[in-house]
Amino acid sequence: MAEPTTTTATALFIGSAAAVPMLTLFGMPLGLRADELLAGFAGALAAMVLLDSVPSSGDTLRELVRTTVRRVGVAVASAVLAGYCVPLIAALLGVPTAVELGLSFLLGGGAQRLFRAAIEGSAKRLEGKP
């Protein structure tokens, strides 16, 4: 059997390094890219730090723990929203792959406002208000 040529092996190595691994949970692929999740998480952290999007509710230990849990929840939810929605938005709008990380950062930063609007809209529909 012939040995693979150096250029073929180098091209295979370079191509495999450029591929971003997909995340799995218990052996099932989630369809999430780690780089988009990280960019969404960074956007959520930037919004919390710079815009104070999840303000603290007090100085007692109980309130600090409650605020920390809320902030972790917002960061994880923002990252997951960015991880799932950005590839869909990119496919629908024809956004280049190089722009997807910036879009993930922006969506992660604005995810709390999107969640709040969705929750308020569904609450109004359940109450029967227009």
Protein backbone atom coordinates (compact mmCIF):
# COMPACT_ATOMS: atom_id res chain seq x y z
CA MET A 1 0.00 0.00 0.00
CA ALA A 2 1.34 3.39 -0.93
CA GLU A 3 2.21 5.98 1.69
CA PRO A 4 0.13 9.17 1.63
CA THR A 5 1.99 12.10 0.24
CA THR A 6 3.15 14.89 2.49
CA THR A 7 0.86 17.45 0.89
CA THR A 8 -2.20 15.26 1.35
CA ALA A 9 -1.39 14.62 5.00
CA THR A 10 -0.71 18.32 5.59
CA ALA A 11 -3.98 19.34 3.91
CA LEU A 12 -5.89 16.82 6.01
CA PHE A 13 -4.23 18.08 9.19
CA ILE A 14 -4.96 21.73 8.39
CA GLY A 15 -8.56 20.98 7.44
CA SER A 16 -9.22 19.05 10.64
CA ALA A 17 -7.79 21.86 12.78
CA ALA A 18 -10.13 24.40 11.18
CA ALA A 19 -13.24 22.37 11.96
CA VAL A 20 -14.99 23.42 15.16
CA PRO A 21 -16.12 20.45 17.24
CA MET A 22 -19.81 20.02 17.98
CA LEU A 23 -20.85 19.49 21.59
CA THR A 24 -22.47 16.27 22.72
CA LEU A 25 -24.38 15.32 25.85
CA PHE A 26 -24.52 11.64 26.81
CA GLY A 27 -23.42 10.74 23.29
CA MET A 28 -26.14 12.77 21.54
CA PRO A 29 -25.00 15.69 19.39
CA LEU A 30 -26.56 18.96 20.54
CA GLY A 31 -25.92 20.90 17.34
CA LEU A 32 -24.04 23.60 19.25
CA ARG A 33 -20.66 25.00 18.33
CA ALA A 34 -18.36 25.75 21.23
CA ASP A 35 -17.09 29.01 19.76
CA GLU A 36 -20.60 30.43 19.34
CA LEU A 37 -21.53 29.40 22.87
CA LEU A 38 -18.44 31.11 24.22
CA ALA A 39 -19.14 34.28 22.23
CA GLY A 40 -22.75 34.36 23.51
CA PHE A 41 -21.52 33.84 27.07
CA ALA A 42 -19.01 36.68 26.66
CA GLY A 43 -21.79 38.94 25.33
CA ALA A 44 -23.96 38.13 28.34
CA LEU A 45 -21.08 38.88 30.71
CA ALA A 46 -20.37 42.17 28.94
CA ALA A 47 -24.03 43.18 29.24
CA MET A 48 -24.11 42.29 32.93
CA VAL A 49 -20.88 44.14 33.71
CA LEU A 50 -21.20 47.19 31.50
CA LEU A 51 -24.98 47.68 31.33
CA ASP A 52 -25.88 46.22 34.75
CA SER A 53 -28.59 44.15 33.08
CA VAL A 54 -29.01 41.92 36.17
CA PRO A 55 -28.85 44.35 39.11
CA SER A 56 -28.23 43.24 42.66
CA SER A 57 -31.23 43.26 44.98
CA GLY A 58 -29.50 43.70 48.34
CA ASP A 59 -26.43 43.25 50.51
CA THR A 60 -27.42 40.29 52.64
CA LEU A 61 -25.92 36.89 51.97
CA ARG A 62 -29.29 35.54 50.82
CA GLU A 63 -29.71 38.34 48.27
CA LEU A 64 -26.13 37.97 47.03
CA VAL A 65 -26.63 34.24 46.47
CA ARG A 66 -29.96 34.90 44.74
CA THR A 67 -28.37 37.51 42.47
CA THR A 68 -25.49 35.18 41.65
CA VAL A 69 -27.87 32.38 40.70
CA ARG A 70 -29.88 34.79 38.51
CA ARG A 71 -26.72 36.01 36.79
CA VAL A 72 -25.48 32.48 36.11
CA GLY A 73 -28.91 31.56 34.72
CA VAL A 74 -28.96 34.60 32.45
CA ALA A 75 -25.44 33.89 31.20
CA VAL A 76 -26.19 30.23 30.43
CA ALA A 77 -29.53 31.02 28.78
CA SER A 78 -27.92 33.76 26.68
CA ALA A 79 -25.15 31.43 25.56
CA VAL A 80 -27.60 28.68 24.59
CA LEU A 81 -29.83 31.16 22.75
CA ALA A 82 -26.82 32.46 20.82
CA GLY A 83 -25.62 28.93 20.11
CA TYR A 84 -28.92 27.79 18.63
CA CYS A 85 -30.24 30.96 16.97
CA VAL A 86 -27.13 32.37 15.31
CA PRO A 87 -26.67 29.48 12.83
CA LEU A 88 -30.36 29.77 11.93
CA ILE A 89 -30.13 33.54 11.45
CA ALA A 90 -26.91 33.16 9.48
CA ALA A 91 -28.50 30.56 7.20
CA LEU A 92 -31.64 32.62 6.61
CA LEU A 93 -29.86 35.91 5.97
CA GLY A 94 -26.82 34.49 4.19
CA VAL A 95 -24.38 35.91 6.73
CA PRO A 96 -20.76 34.83 6.18
CA THR A 97 -19.23 32.44 8.69
CA ALA A 98 -16.70 35.05 9.80
CA VAL A 99 -19.50 37.30 11.08
CA GLU A 100 -21.25 34.60 13.13
CA LEU A 101 -19.09 35.10 16.24
CA GLY A 102 -19.84 38.82 16.34
CA LEU A 103 -23.52 38.06 15.89
CA SER A 104 -23.29 35.52 18.75
CA PHE A 105 -21.73 38.18 20.99
CA LEU A 106 -24.48 40.69 20.16
CA LEU A 107 -27.26 38.16 20.62
CA GLY A 108 -25.78 37.00 23.93
CA GLY A 109 -25.67 40.59 25.11
CA GLY A 110 -29.24 41.35 24.10
CA ALA A 111 -30.78 38.02 25.05
CA GLN A 112 -32.11 39.23 28.38
CA ARG A 113 -34.17 41.93 26.66
CA LEU A 114 -35.48 39.34 24.20
CA PHE A 115 -36.42 36.96 27.02
CA ARG A 116 -38.14 39.75 28.96
CA ALA A 117 -40.16 40.83 25.91
CA ALA A 118 -41.19 37.23 25.18
CA ILE A 119 -42.25 36.60 28.79
CA GLU A 120 -44.23 39.86 29.02
CA GLY A 121 -45.91 39.18 25.67
CA SER A 122 -46.97 35.68 26.64
CA ALA A 123 -48.18 36.92 30.06
CA LYS A 124 -50.37 39.52 28.36
CA ARG A 125 -51.80 36.88 26.02
CA LEU A 126 -52.59 34.60 28.97
CA GLU A 127 -54.32 37.45 30.82
CA GLY A 128 -56.33 38.33 27.72
CA LYS A 129 -54.95 41.86 27.36
CA PRO A 130 -54.22 43.19 23.85
